[in-house]
Amino acid sequence: MLIRRIALTTAAMLLAATSLAGARPDTRTMGCQELQQLIQSRRAVVLTTGPNTYDRYVRQFGIECDWPEVPTSAYVPTRDGSCPVYRCDQAIGDLPD
């Protein structure tokens, strides 16, 4: 009976861990166009970009960034190479208050 309980607990923990790992789309498993369409459709999305890296990516034009951040160019790895995307970052230069 104890072995069965341990096995069920272990299975439940593995299932929970697998579900959490799949919560963020991984840019490395997508094509560039597919990734860009995902960002456009969701307006902003947190994406896995490597084994231990992730970030939030946004549409180029929209209100997804908090002031004073603006969408800035970035590149992420995709199945078909490096893909241009946007993420929120501090604007270069002085912005009026």
PDB file of N, CA and C in Angstrom:
ATOM      1  N   MET A   1       0.822  -1.184   0.000  1.00  0.00           N
ATOM      2  CA  MET A   1       0.000   0.000   0.000  1.00  0.00           C
ATOM      3  C   MET A   1       0.877   1.264   0.000  1.00  0.00           C
ATOM      4  N   LEU A   2       1.945   1.262   0.774  1.00  0.00           N
ATOM      5  CA  LEU A   2       2.853   2.396   0.839  1.00  0.00           C
ATOM      6  C   LEU A   2       3.533   2.622  -0.513  1.00  0.00           C
ATOM      7  N   ILE A   3       3.931   1.558  -1.162  1.00  0.00           N
ATOM      8  CA  ILE A   3       4.584   1.675  -2.465  1.00  0.00           C
ATOM      9  C   ILE A   3       3.627   2.286  -3.485  1.00  0.00           C
ATOM     10  N   ARG A   4       2.376   1.879  -3.435  1.00  0.00           N
ATOM     11  CA  ARG A   4       1.373   2.427  -4.360  1.00  0.00           C
ATOM     12  C   ARG A   4       1.184   3.929  -4.114  1.00  0.00           C
ATOM     13  N   ARG A   5       1.126   4.339  -2.866  1.00  0.00           N
ATOM     14  CA  ARG A   5       0.970   5.748  -2.523  1.00  0.00           C
ATOM     15  C   ARG A   5       2.171   6.558  -2.998  1.00  0.00           C
ATOM     16  N   ILE A   6       3.368   6.019  -2.821  1.00  0.00           N
ATOM     17  CA  ILE A   6       4.579   6.700  -3.286  1.00  0.00           C
ATOM     18  C   ILE A   6       4.568   6.822  -4.805  1.00  0.00           C
ATOM     19  N   ALA A   7       4.177   5.764  -5.479  1.00  0.00           N
ATOM     20  CA  ALA A   7       4.120   5.788  -6.943  1.00  0.00           C
ATOM     21  C   ALA A   7       3.113   6.823  -7.439  1.00  0.00           C
ATOM     22  N   LEU A   8       1.947   6.908  -6.814  1.00  0.00           N
ATOM     23  CA  LEU A   8       0.938   7.884  -7.216  1.00  0.00           C
ATOM     24  C   LEU A   8       1.409   9.312  -6.940  1.00  0.00           C
ATOM     25  N   THR A   9       2.056   9.518  -5.822  1.00  0.00           N
ATOM     26  CA  THR A   9       2.578  10.847  -5.489  1.00  0.00           C
ATOM     27  C   THR A   9       3.655  11.259  -6.486  1.00  0.00           C
ATOM     28  N   THR A  10       4.545  10.337  -6.815  1.00  0.00           N
ATOM     29  CA  THR A  10       5.603  10.618  -7.788  1.00  0.00           C
ATOM     30  C   THR A  10       5.010  10.935  -9.152  1.00  0.00           C
ATOM     31  N   ALA A  11       4.019  10.174  -9.578  1.00  0.00           N
ATOM     32  CA  ALA A  11       3.369  10.422 -10.869  1.00  0.00           C
ATOM     33  C   ALA A  11       2.698  11.794 -10.886  1.00  0.00           C
ATOM     34  N   ALA A  12       2.046  12.160  -9.805  1.00  0.00           N
ATOM     35  CA  ALA A  12       1.386  13.465  -9.727  1.00  0.00           C
ATOM     36  C   ALA A  12       2.422  14.594  -9.787  1.00  0.00           C
ATOM     37  N   MET A  13       3.547  14.424  -9.122  1.00  0.00           N
ATOM     38  CA  MET A  13       4.589  15.452  -9.144  1.00  0.00           C
ATOM     39  C   MET A  13       5.193  15.589 -10.536  1.00  0.00           C
ATOM     40  N   LEU A  14       5.412  14.486 -11.220  1.00  0.00           N
ATOM     41  CA  LEU A  14       5.945  14.536 -12.584  1.00  0.00           C
ATOM     42  C   LEU A  14       4.969  15.208 -13.537  1.00  0.00           C
ATOM     43  N   LEU A  15       3.704  14.907 -13.391  1.00  0.00           N
ATOM     44  CA  LEU A  15       2.675  15.519 -14.229  1.00  0.00           C
ATOM     45  C   LEU A  15       2.625  17.026 -14.001  1.00  0.00           C
ATOM     46  N   ALA A  16       2.688  17.448 -12.751  1.00  0.00           N
ATOM     47  CA  ALA A  16       2.669  18.879 -12.430  1.00  0.00           C
ATOM     48  C   ALA A  16       3.909  19.576 -12.996  1.00  0.00           C
ATOM     49  N   ALA A  17       5.061  18.965 -12.866  1.00  0.00           N
ATOM     50  CA  ALA A  17       6.301  19.561 -13.376  1.00  0.00           C
ATOM     51  C   ALA A  17       6.269  19.663 -14.894  1.00  0.00           C
ATOM     52  N   THR A  18       5.738  18.659 -15.566  1.00  0.00           N
ATOM     53  CA  THR A  18       5.644  18.686 -17.021  1.00  0.00           C
ATOM     54  C   THR A  18       4.679  19.772 -17.478  1.00  0.00           C
ATOM     55  N   SER A  19       3.596  19.956 -16.769  1.00  0.00           N
ATOM     56  CA  SER A  19       2.626  20.988 -17.124  1.00  0.00           C
ATOM     57  C   SER A  19       3.235  22.368 -16.988  1.00  0.00           C
ATOM     58  N   LEU A  20       4.012  22.599 -15.945  1.00  0.00           N
ATOM     59  CA  LEU A  20       4.639  23.896 -15.746  1.00  0.00           C
ATOM     60  C   LEU A  20       5.698  24.164 -16.799  1.00  0.00           C
ATOM     61  N   ALA A  21       6.421  23.131 -17.194  1.00  0.00           N
ATOM     62  CA  ALA A  21       7.462  23.312 -18.193  1.00  0.00           C
ATOM     63  C   ALA A  21       6.872  23.686 -19.539  1.00  0.00           C
ATOM     64  N   GLY A  22       5.686  23.225 -19.845  1.00  0.00           N
ATOM     65  CA  GLY A  22       5.059  23.516 -21.118  1.00  0.00           C
ATOM     66  C   GLY A  22       4.227  24.781 -21.108  1.00  0.00           C
ATOM     67  N   ALA A  23       4.264  25.533 -20.029  1.00  0.00           N
ATOM     68  CA  ALA A  23       3.421  26.719 -19.901  1.00  0.00           C
ATOM     69  C   ALA A  23       3.869  27.849 -20.824  1.00  0.00           C
ATOM     70  N   ARG A  24       5.159  27.968 -21.107  1.00  0.00           N
ATOM     71  CA  ARG A  24       5.676  29.028 -21.971  1.00  0.00           C
ATOM     72  C   ARG A  24       6.040  28.443 -23.319  1.00  0.00           C
ATOM     73  N   PRO A  25       5.586  29.075 -24.409  1.00  0.00           N
ATOM     74  CA  PRO A  25       6.031  28.621 -25.730  1.00  0.00           C
ATOM     75  C   PRO A  25       7.545  28.786 -25.865  1.00  0.00           C
ATOM     76  N   ASP A  26       8.172  27.865 -26.550  1.00  0.00           N
ATOM     77  CA  ASP A  26       9.622  27.878 -26.749  1.00  0.00           C
ATOM     78  C   ASP A  26       9.918  28.360 -28.164  1.00  0.00           C
ATOM     79  N   THR A  27      10.640  29.461 -28.290  1.00  0.00           N
ATOM     80  CA  THR A  27      10.927  30.030 -29.609  1.00  0.00           C
ATOM     81  C   THR A  27      11.719  29.068 -30.481  1.00  0.00           C
ATOM     82  N   ARG A  28      12.521  28.208 -29.863  1.00  0.00           N
ATOM     83  CA  ARG A  28      13.388  27.301 -30.619  1.00  0.00           C
ATOM     84  C   ARG A  28      12.616  26.207 -31.332  1.00  0.00           C
ATOM     85  N   THR A  29      11.351  26.015 -30.976  1.00  0.00           N
ATOM     86  CA  THR A  29      10.535  24.979 -31.622  1.00  0.00           C
ATOM     87  C   THR A  29       9.601  25.556 -32.681  1.00  0.00           C
ATOM     88  N   MET A  30       9.658  26.869 -32.906  1.00  0.00           N
ATOM     89  CA  MET A  30       8.764  27.538 -33.858  1.00  0.00           C
ATOM     90  C   MET A  30       9.551  28.126 -35.017  1.00  0.00           C
ATOM     91  N   GLY A  31       8.835  28.316 -36.128  1.00  0.00           N
ATOM     92  CA  GLY A  31       9.389  29.081 -37.231  1.00  0.00           C
ATOM     93  C   GLY A  31       9.229  30.566 -36.921  1.00  0.00           C
ATOM     94  N   CYS A  32      10.006  31.404 -37.591  1.00  0.00           N
ATOM     95  CA  CYS A  32       9.975  32.839 -37.324  1.00  0.00           C
ATOM     96  C   CYS A  32       8.585  33.430 -37.589  1.00  0.00           C
ATOM     97  N   GLN A  33       7.987  33.099 -38.718  1.00  0.00           N
ATOM     98  CA  GLN A  33       6.676  33.653 -39.046  1.00  0.00           C
ATOM     99  C   GLN A  33       5.620  33.199 -38.033  1.00  0.00           C
ATOM    100  N   GLU A  34       5.683  31.946 -37.628  1.00  0.00           N
ATOM    101  CA  GLU A  34       4.759  31.414 -36.617  1.00  0.00           C
ATOM    102  C   GLU A  34       4.900  32.182 -35.296  1.00  0.00           C
ATOM    103  N   LEU A  35       6.147  32.446 -34.902  1.00  0.00           N
ATOM    104  CA  LEU A  35       6.416  33.181 -33.669  1.00  0.00           C
ATOM    105  C   LEU A  35       5.875  34.609 -33.750  1.00  0.00           C
ATOM    106  N   GLN A  36       6.135  35.283 -34.854  1.00  0.00           N
ATOM    107  CA  GLN A  36       5.654  36.653 -35.012  1.00  0.00           C
ATOM    108  C   GLN A  36       4.121  36.712 -34.996  1.00  0.00           C
ATOM    109  N   GLN A  37       3.467  35.731 -35.602  1.00  0.00           N
ATOM    110  CA  GLN A  37       2.001  35.683 -35.579  1.00  0.00           C
ATOM    111  C   GLN A  37       1.479  35.457 -34.159  1.00  0.00           C
ATOM    112  N   LEU A  38       2.169  34.625 -33.379  1.00  0.00           N
ATOM    113  CA  LEU A  38       1.779  34.386 -31.994  1.00  0.00           C
ATOM    114  C   LEU A  38       1.840  35.681 -31.191  1.00  0.00           C
ATOM    115  N   ILE A  39       2.915  36.428 -31.343  1.00  0.00           N
ATOM    116  CA  ILE A  39       3.069  37.689 -30.616  1.00  0.00           C
ATOM    117  C   ILE A  39       1.986  38.678 -31.051  1.00  0.00           C
ATOM    118  N   GLN A  40       1.726  38.767 -32.335  1.00  0.00           N
ATOM    119  CA  GLN A  40       0.693  39.684 -32.825  1.00  0.00           C
ATOM    120  C   GLN A  40      -0.685  39.313 -32.285  1.00  0.00           C
ATOM    121  N   SER A  41      -0.992  38.024 -32.246  1.00  0.00           N
ATOM    122  CA  SER A  41      -2.320  37.595 -31.803  1.00  0.00           C
ATOM    123  C   SER A  41      -2.526  37.778 -30.300  1.00  0.00           C
ATOM    124  N   ARG A  42      -1.462  37.603 -29.519  1.00  0.00           N
ATOM    125  CA  ARG A  42      -1.574  37.742 -28.061  1.00  0.00           C
ATOM    126  C   ARG A  42      -1.197  39.133 -27.563  1.00  0.00           C
ATOM    127  N   ARG A  43      -0.614  39.955 -28.432  1.00  0.00           N
ATOM    128  CA  ARG A  43      -0.165  41.313 -28.128  1.00  0.00           C
ATOM    129  C   ARG A  43       1.077  41.343 -27.257  1.00  0.00           C
ATOM    130  N   ALA A  44       1.209  40.456 -26.296  1.00  0.00           N
ATOM    131  CA  ALA A  44       2.399  40.322 -25.459  1.00  0.00           C
ATOM    132  C   ALA A  44       2.431  38.890 -24.946  1.00  0.00           C
ATOM    133  N   VAL A  45       3.616  38.286 -24.920  1.00  0.00           N
ATOM    134  CA  VAL A  45       3.712  36.897 -24.482  1.00  0.00           C
ATOM    135  C   VAL A  45       5.103  36.641 -23.902  1.00  0.00           C
ATOM    136  N   VAL A  46       5.146  35.841 -22.840  1.00  0.00           N
ATOM    137  CA  VAL A  46       6.415  35.419 -22.252  1.00  0.00           C
ATOM    138  C   VAL A  46       6.838  34.151 -22.983  1.00  0.00           C
ATOM    139  N   LEU A  47       8.067  34.165 -23.499  1.00  0.00           N
ATOM    140  CA  LEU A  47       8.573  33.059 -24.313  1.00  0.00           C
ATOM    141  C   LEU A  47       9.875  32.509 -23.755  1.00  0.00           C
ATOM    142  N   THR A  48      10.022  31.209 -23.821  1.00  0.00           N
ATOM    143  CA  THR A  48      11.289  30.559 -23.498  1.00  0.00           C
ATOM    144  C   THR A  48      12.198  30.719 -24.706  1.00  0.00           C
ATOM    145  N   THR A  49      13.441  31.168 -24.469  1.00  0.00           N
ATOM    146  CA  THR A  49      14.377  31.388 -25.571  1.00  0.00           C
ATOM    147  C   THR A  49      15.617  30.504 -25.483  1.00  0.00           C
ATOM    148  N   GLY A  50      15.760  29.771 -24.406  1.00  0.00           N
ATOM    149  CA  GLY A  50      16.911  28.896 -24.210  1.00  0.00           C
ATOM    150  C   GLY A  50      16.658  27.997 -23.019  1.00  0.00           C
ATOM    151  N   PRO A  51      17.620  27.155 -22.672  1.00  0.00           N
ATOM    152  CA  PRO A  51      17.433  26.219 -21.569  1.00  0.00           C
ATOM    153  C   PRO A  51      17.076  26.901 -20.244  1.00  0.00           C
ATOM    154  N   ASN A  52      17.633  28.074 -19.990  1.00  0.00           N
ATOM    155  CA  ASN A  52      17.393  28.776 -18.731  1.00  0.00           C
ATOM    156  C   ASN A  52      17.031  30.242 -18.946  1.00  0.00           C
ATOM    157  N   THR A  53      16.517  30.589 -20.126  1.00  0.00           N
ATOM    158  CA  THR A  53      16.217  31.985 -20.416  1.00  0.00           C
ATOM    159  C   THR A  53      14.798  32.167 -20.936  1.00  0.00           C
ATOM    160  N   TYR A  54      14.224  33.302 -20.590  1.00  0.00           N
ATOM    161  CA  TYR A  54      12.902  33.675 -21.093  1.00  0.00           C
ATOM    162  C   TYR A  54      12.772  35.187 -20.996  1.00  0.00           C
ATOM    163  N   ASP A  55      11.805  35.732 -21.728  1.00  0.00           N
ATOM    164  CA  ASP A  55      11.557  37.166 -21.681  1.00  0.00           C
ATOM    165  C   ASP A  55      10.151  37.423 -22.206  1.00  0.00           C
ATOM    166  N   ARG A  56       9.697  38.645 -22.046  1.00  0.00           N
ATOM    167  CA  ARG A  56       8.370  39.058 -22.505  1.00  0.00           C
ATOM    168  C   ARG A  56       8.545  39.819 -23.812  1.00  0.00           C
ATOM    169  N   TYR A  57       7.811  39.408 -24.838  1.00  0.00           N
ATOM    170  CA  TYR A  57       7.898  40.030 -26.152  1.00  0.00           C
ATOM    171  C   TYR A  57       6.544  40.621 -26.521  1.00  0.00           C
ATOM    172  N   VAL A  58       6.575  41.731 -27.266  1.00  0.00           N
ATOM    173  CA  VAL A  58       5.360  42.504 -27.537  1.00  0.00           C
ATOM    174  C   VAL A  58       5.263  42.850 -29.022  1.00  0.00           C
ATOM    175  N   ARG A  59       4.057  43.340 -29.411  1.00  0.00           N
ATOM    176  CA  ARG A  59       3.875  43.869 -30.766  1.00  0.00           C
ATOM    177  C   ARG A  59       4.699  45.144 -30.901  1.00  0.00           C
ATOM    178  N   GLN A  60       5.000  45.526 -32.124  1.00  0.00           N
ATOM    179  CA  GLN A  60       5.781  46.749 -32.326  1.00  0.00           C
ATOM    180  C   GLN A  60       4.960  47.981 -31.969  1.00  0.00           C
ATOM    181  N   PHE A  61       3.707  48.009 -32.375  1.00  0.00           N
ATOM    182  CA  PHE A  61       2.857  49.159 -32.109  1.00  0.00           C
ATOM    183  C   PHE A  61       1.730  48.730 -31.192  1.00  0.00           C
ATOM    184  N   GLY A  62       1.601  49.362 -30.054  1.00  0.00           N
ATOM    185  CA  GLY A  62       0.567  49.015 -29.091  1.00  0.00           C
ATOM    186  C   GLY A  62       0.888  49.635 -27.751  1.00  0.00           C
ATOM    187  N   ILE A  63       0.099  49.266 -26.767  1.00  0.00           N
ATOM    188  CA  ILE A  63       0.284  49.843 -25.430  1.00  0.00           C
ATOM    189  C   ILE A  63       0.727  48.774 -24.429  1.00  0.00           C
ATOM    190  N   GLU A  64       1.469  47.807 -24.895  1.00  0.00           N
ATOM    191  CA  GLU A  64       1.894  46.704 -24.035  1.00  0.00           C
ATOM    192  C   GLU A  64       3.044  47.069 -23.103  1.00  0.00           C
ATOM    193  N   CYS A  65       3.770  48.138 -23.412  1.00  0.00           N
ATOM    194  CA  CYS A  65       4.897  48.559 -22.572  1.00  0.00           C
ATOM    195  C   CYS A  65       4.440  49.647 -21.607  1.00  0.00           C
ATOM    196  N   ASP A  66       4.969  49.608 -20.383  1.00  0.00           N
ATOM    197  CA  ASP A  66       4.688  50.652 -19.399  1.00  0.00           C
ATOM    198  C   ASP A  66       5.640  51.827 -19.619  1.00  0.00           C
ATOM    199  N   TRP A  67       5.124  53.034 -19.434  1.00  0.00           N
ATOM    200  CA  TRP A  67       5.931  54.244 -19.552  1.00  0.00           C
ATOM    201  C   TRP A  67       7.068  54.216 -18.557  1.00  0.00           C
ATOM    202  N   PRO A  68       8.260  54.540 -18.875  1.00  0.00           N
ATOM    203  CA  PRO A  68       8.761  55.138 -20.105  1.00  0.00           C
ATOM    204  C   PRO A  68       9.342  54.112 -21.081  1.00  0.00           C
ATOM    205  N   GLU A  69       9.030  52.849 -20.914  1.00  0.00           N
ATOM    206  CA  GLU A  69       9.554  51.837 -21.827  1.00  0.00           C
ATOM    207  C   GLU A  69       8.832  51.883 -23.169  1.00  0.00           C
ATOM    208  N   VAL A  70       9.546  51.451 -24.199  1.00  0.00           N
ATOM    209  CA  VAL A  70       9.006  51.391 -25.555  1.00  0.00           C
ATOM    210  C   VAL A  70       9.421  50.056 -26.186  1.00  0.00           C
ATOM    211  N   PRO A  71       8.703  49.602 -27.211  1.00  0.00           N
ATOM    212  CA  PRO A  71       9.140  48.392 -27.907  1.00  0.00           C
ATOM    213  C   PRO A  71      10.486  48.622 -28.599  1.00  0.00           C
ATOM    214  N   THR A  72      11.458  47.770 -28.315  1.00  0.00           N
ATOM    215  CA  THR A  72      12.771  47.862 -28.959  1.00  0.00           C
ATOM    216  C   THR A  72      13.079  46.540 -29.647  1.00  0.00           C
ATOM    217  N   SER A  73      13.881  46.599 -30.677  1.00  0.00           N
ATOM    218  CA  SER A  73      14.223  45.423 -31.468  1.00  0.00           C
ATOM    219  C   SER A  73      15.029  44.412 -30.655  1.00  0.00           C
ATOM    220  N   ALA A  74      14.742  43.163 -30.901  1.00  0.00           N
ATOM    221  CA  ALA A  74      15.488  42.060 -30.289  1.00  0.00           C
ATOM    222  C   ALA A  74      15.465  40.896 -31.281  1.00  0.00           C
ATOM    223  N   TYR A  75      16.318  39.938 -31.067  1.00  0.00           N
ATOM    224  CA  TYR A  75      16.346  38.734 -31.898  1.00  0.00           C
ATOM    225  C   TYR A  75      16.308  37.525 -30.986  1.00  0.00           C
ATOM    226  N   VAL A  76      15.524  36.522 -31.378  1.00  0.00           N
ATOM    227  CA  VAL A  76      15.438  35.281 -30.603  1.00  0.00           C
ATOM    228  C   VAL A  76      15.712  34.102 -31.532  1.00  0.00           C
ATOM    229  N   PRO A  77      16.230  33.004 -30.969  1.00  0.00           N
ATOM    230  CA  PRO A  77      16.478  31.829 -31.802  1.00  0.00           C
ATOM    231  C   PRO A  77      15.159  31.133 -32.151  1.00  0.00           C
ATOM    232  N   THR A  78      15.024  30.740 -33.406  1.00  0.00           N
ATOM    233  CA  THR A  78      13.868  29.964 -33.844  1.00  0.00           C
ATOM    234  C   THR A  78      14.361  28.751 -34.620  1.00  0.00           C
ATOM    235  N   ARG A  79      13.434  27.895 -34.972  1.00  0.00           N
ATOM    236  CA  ARG A  79      13.758  26.676 -35.701  1.00  0.00           C
ATOM    237  C   ARG A  79      14.468  26.995 -37.019  1.00  0.00           C
ATOM    238  N   ASP A  80      14.129  28.126 -37.635  1.00  0.00           N
ATOM    239  CA  ASP A  80      14.702  28.466 -38.935  1.00  0.00           C
ATOM    240  C   ASP A  80      15.714  29.621 -38.866  1.00  0.00           C
ATOM    241  N   GLY A  81      16.319  29.834 -37.718  1.00  0.00           N
ATOM    242  CA  GLY A  81      17.356  30.855 -37.585  1.00  0.00           C
ATOM    243  C   GLY A  81      17.048  31.864 -36.498  1.00  0.00           C
ATOM    244  N   SER A  82      17.511  33.083 -36.695  1.00  0.00           N
ATOM    245  CA  SER A  82      17.306  34.153 -35.736  1.00  0.00           C
ATOM    246  C   SER A  82      16.136  35.010 -36.214  1.00  0.00           C
ATOM    247  N   CYS A  83      15.223  35.345 -35.301  1.00  0.00           N
ATOM    248  CA  CYS A  83      13.981  36.013 -35.677  1.00  0.00           C
ATOM    249  C   CYS A  83      13.873  37.385 -35.016  1.00  0.00           C
ATOM    250  N   PRO A  84      13.555  38.438 -35.793  1.00  0.00           N
ATOM    251  CA  PRO A  84      13.391  39.768 -35.205  1.00  0.00           C
ATOM    252  C   PRO A  84      12.042  39.894 -34.481  1.00  0.00           C
ATOM    253  N   VAL A  85      12.090  40.372 -33.249  1.00  0.00           N
ATOM    254  CA  VAL A  85      10.896  40.585 -32.426  1.00  0.00           C
ATOM    255  C   VAL A  85      11.088  41.888 -31.649  1.00  0.00           C
ATOM    256  N   TYR A  86      10.153  42.207 -30.776  1.00  0.00           N
ATOM    257  CA  TYR A  86      10.241  43.418 -29.947  1.00  0.00           C
ATOM    258  C   TYR A  86      10.018  43.066 -28.485  1.00  0.00           C
ATOM    259  N   ARG A  87      10.727  43.765 -27.608  1.00  0.00           N
ATOM    260  CA  ARG A  87      10.505  43.644 -26.169  1.00  0.00           C
ATOM    261  C   ARG A  87      10.542  45.046 -25.566  1.00  0.00           C
ATOM    262  N   CYS A  88       9.960  45.201 -24.410  1.00  0.00           N
ATOM    263  CA  CYS A  88       9.907  46.508 -23.751  1.00  0.00           C
ATOM    264  C   CYS A  88      11.263  46.819 -23.134  1.00  0.00           C
ATOM    265  N   ASP A  89      11.734  48.041 -23.376  1.00  0.00           N
ATOM    266  CA  ASP A  89      13.019  48.468 -22.840  1.00  0.00           C
ATOM    267  C   ASP A  89      13.015  49.992 -22.740  1.00  0.00           C
ATOM    268  N   GLN A  90      13.959  50.526 -21.991  1.00  0.00           N
ATOM    269  CA  GLN A  90      14.094  51.979 -21.869  1.00  0.00           C
ATOM    270  C   GLN A  90      14.432  52.573 -23.223  1.00  0.00           C
ATOM    271  N   ALA A  91      13.807  53.678 -23.548  1.00  0.00           N
ATOM    272  CA  ALA A  91      14.092  54.359 -24.815  1.00  0.00           C
ATOM    273  C   ALA A  91      15.502  54.942 -24.788  1.00  0.00           C
ATOM    274  N   ILE A  92      16.121  54.996 -25.935  1.00  0.00           N
ATOM    275  CA  ILE A  92      17.444  55.592 -26.054  1.00  0.00           C
ATOM    276  C   ILE A  92      17.273  57.094 -26.185  1.00  0.00           C
ATOM    277  N   GLY A  93      18.014  57.863 -25.406  1.00  0.00           N
ATOM    278  CA  GLY A  93      17.909  59.305 -25.457  1.00  0.00           C
ATOM    279  C   GLY A  93      16.919  59.808 -24.411  1.00  0.00           C
ATOM    280  N   ASP A  94      16.750  61.111 -24.348  1.00  0.00           N
ATOM    281  CA  ASP A  94      15.853  61.731 -23.368  1.00  0.00           C
ATOM    282  C   ASP A  94      14.441  61.808 -23.906  1.00  0.00           C
ATOM    283  N   LEU A  95      13.511  61.445 -23.081  1.00  0.00           N
ATOM    284  CA  LEU A  95      12.088  61.574 -23.404  1.00  0.00           C
ATOM    285  C   LEU A  95      11.497  62.678 -22.562  1.00  0.00           C
ATOM    286  N   PRO A  96      10.573  63.437 -23.111  1.00  0.00           N
ATOM    287  CA  PRO A  96       9.937  64.479 -22.296  1.00  0.00           C
ATOM    288  C   PRO A  96       9.108  63.875 -21.185  1.00  0.00           C
ATOM    289  N   ASP A  97       9.043  64.555 -20.055  1.00  0.00           N
ATOM    290  CA  ASP A  97       8.241  64.064 -18.917  1.00  0.00           C
ATOM    291  C   ASP A  97       6.771  64.273 -19.135  1.00  0.00           C
TER     292      ASP A  97
END
